[in-house]
Amino acid sequence: MAIQIRLRHVLDDRALSMYAVAKGTGLTYPTVYNLATKPIARIDIETIDKLCAFLHIQPGDLFVWTPDDDGATLAAE
């Protein structure tokens, strides 16, 4: 997947635990754990909003785009 969430990096940089994020955002611990440790295919806009509000960051600080391993990208038509 070309877009990856950087939640784990943000938490490490701020020395925050996943438990603290869950408690501060109202998200469940399993949700925060999965977002921080596993590749994800979807994320709800409300979840992004809660993370950004709690961490005082922009959505772009949570995500990074990298080309797929095969180098293929969607071409504009």
C-alpha atoms as a PDB file:
ATOM      1  CA  MET A   1       0.000   0.000   0.000  1.00  0.00           C
ATOM      2  CA  ALA A   2       1.360   3.386  -0.983  1.00  0.00           C
ATOM      3  CA  ILE A   3      -0.109   5.498   1.850  1.00  0.00           C
ATOM      4  CA  GLN A   4       1.064   4.622   5.337  1.00  0.00           C
ATOM      5  CA  ILE A   5       0.053   5.997   8.702  1.00  0.00           C
ATOM      6  CA  ARG A   6       2.872   7.359  10.846  1.00  0.00           C
ATOM      7  CA  LEU A   7       1.069   7.211  14.187  1.00  0.00           C
ATOM      8  CA  ARG A   8       3.760   5.050  15.799  1.00  0.00           C
ATOM      9  CA  HIS A   9       6.466   7.560  14.783  1.00  0.00           C
ATOM     10  CA  VAL A  10       4.454  10.487  16.134  1.00  0.00           C
ATOM     11  CA  LEU A  11       3.903   8.675  19.452  1.00  0.00           C
ATOM     12  CA  ASP A  12       7.573   7.722  19.731  1.00  0.00           C
ATOM     13  CA  ASP A  13       8.693  11.295  18.986  1.00  0.00           C
ATOM     14  CA  ARG A  14       6.422  12.601  21.745  1.00  0.00           C
ATOM     15  CA  ALA A  15       7.026   9.728  24.181  1.00  0.00           C
ATOM     16  CA  LEU A  16       3.284   9.043  24.294  1.00  0.00           C
ATOM     17  CA  SER A  17       1.789   5.658  24.985  1.00  0.00           C
ATOM     18  CA  MET A  18      -0.994   4.146  22.943  1.00  0.00           C
ATOM     19  CA  TYR A  19      -3.023   3.963  26.155  1.00  0.00           C
ATOM     20  CA  ALA A  20      -2.677   7.738  26.660  1.00  0.00           C
ATOM     21  CA  VAL A  21      -3.844   8.359  23.097  1.00  0.00           C
ATOM     22  CA  ALA A  22      -6.823   6.034  23.525  1.00  0.00           C
ATOM     23  CA  LYS A  23      -7.805   7.722  26.760  1.00  0.00           C
ATOM     24  CA  GLY A  24      -7.308  11.241  25.369  1.00  0.00           C
ATOM     25  CA  THR A  25      -9.153  10.664  22.099  1.00  0.00           C
ATOM     26  CA  GLY A  26     -11.951   8.379  23.223  1.00  0.00           C
ATOM     27  CA  LEU A  27     -10.818   5.774  20.683  1.00  0.00           C
ATOM     28  CA  THR A  28     -10.542   2.213  21.909  1.00  0.00           C
ATOM     29  CA  TYR A  29      -7.108   0.874  22.776  1.00  0.00           C
ATOM     30  CA  PRO A  30      -7.348  -1.855  20.101  1.00  0.00           C
ATOM     31  CA  THR A  31      -8.091   0.823  17.485  1.00  0.00           C
ATOM     32  CA  VAL A  32      -5.065   2.896  18.474  1.00  0.00           C
ATOM     33  CA  TYR A  33      -2.905  -0.232  18.676  1.00  0.00           C
ATOM     34  CA  ASN A  34      -3.940  -1.358  15.200  1.00  0.00           C
ATOM     35  CA  LEU A  35      -3.371   2.091  13.708  1.00  0.00           C
ATOM     36  CA  ALA A  36       0.080   2.303  15.291  1.00  0.00           C
ATOM     37  CA  THR A  37       1.310  -1.203  14.548  1.00  0.00           C
ATOM     38  CA  LYS A  38      -0.452  -2.692  11.529  1.00  0.00           C
ATOM     39  CA  PRO A  39      -0.892  -1.729   7.894  1.00  0.00           C
ATOM     40  CA  ILE A  40      -4.355  -0.297   7.418  1.00  0.00           C
ATOM     41  CA  ALA A  41      -6.571  -0.162   4.349  1.00  0.00           C
ATOM     42  CA  ARG A  42      -9.084   2.398   5.679  1.00  0.00           C
ATOM     43  CA  ILE A  43      -9.377   5.013   8.365  1.00  0.00           C
ATOM     44  CA  ASP A  44     -12.468   7.005   9.277  1.00  0.00           C
ATOM     45  CA  ILE A  45     -12.266  10.794   8.935  1.00  0.00           C
ATOM     46  CA  GLU A  46     -13.606  11.123  12.493  1.00  0.00           C
ATOM     47  CA  THR A  47     -10.692   9.008  13.745  1.00  0.00           C
ATOM     48  CA  ILE A  48      -8.219  11.249  11.905  1.00  0.00           C
ATOM     49  CA  ASP A  49      -9.931  14.298  13.420  1.00  0.00           C
ATOM     50  CA  LYS A  50      -9.671  12.888  16.958  1.00  0.00           C
ATOM     51  CA  LEU A  51      -5.995  12.018  16.530  1.00  0.00           C
ATOM     52  CA  CYS A  52      -5.149  15.425  15.055  1.00  0.00           C
ATOM     53  CA  ALA A  53      -7.033  17.292  17.781  1.00  0.00           C
ATOM     54  CA  PHE A  54      -5.394  15.306  20.581  1.00  0.00           C
ATOM     55  CA  LEU A  55      -1.884  15.435  19.104  1.00  0.00           C
ATOM     56  CA  HIS A  56      -2.226  19.036  17.799  1.00  0.00           C
ATOM     57  CA  ILE A  57      -1.051  18.052  14.322  1.00  0.00           C
ATOM     58  CA  GLN A  58      -2.253  18.308  10.744  1.00  0.00           C
ATOM     59  CA  PRO A  59      -3.515  15.219   8.882  1.00  0.00           C
ATOM     60  CA  GLY A  60      -0.432  15.395   6.655  1.00  0.00           C
ATOM     61  CA  ASP A  61       1.714  14.782   9.732  1.00  0.00           C
ATOM     62  CA  LEU A  62       0.028  11.384  10.159  1.00  0.00           C
ATOM     63  CA  PHE A  63       0.479  10.024   6.649  1.00  0.00           C
ATOM     64  CA  VAL A  64       3.263   9.411   4.177  1.00  0.00           C
ATOM     65  CA  TRP A  65       3.006   8.355   0.557  1.00  0.00           C
ATOM     66  CA  THR A  66       5.567   6.019  -0.958  1.00  0.00           C
ATOM     67  CA  PRO A  67       5.452   4.326  -4.345  1.00  0.00           C
ATOM     68  CA  ASP A  68       4.348   0.701  -4.424  1.00  0.00           C
ATOM     69  CA  ASP A  69       7.119  -1.883  -4.648  1.00  0.00           C
ATOM     70  CA  ASP A  70       6.403  -2.475  -8.317  1.00  0.00           C
ATOM     71  CA  GLY A  71       6.796   1.242  -9.039  1.00  0.00           C
ATOM     72  CA  ALA A  72       3.340   1.493 -10.573  1.00  0.00           C
ATOM     73  CA  THR A  73       1.287   4.586  -9.845  1.00  0.00           C
ATOM     74  CA  LEU A  74      -2.055   5.735 -11.153  1.00  0.00           C
ATOM     75  CA  ALA A  75      -1.724   7.906 -14.216  1.00  0.00           C
ATOM     76  CA  ALA A  76      -3.956  10.914 -14.735  1.00  0.00           C
ATOM     77  CA  GLU A  77      -6.124  10.505 -17.772  1.00  0.00           C
END
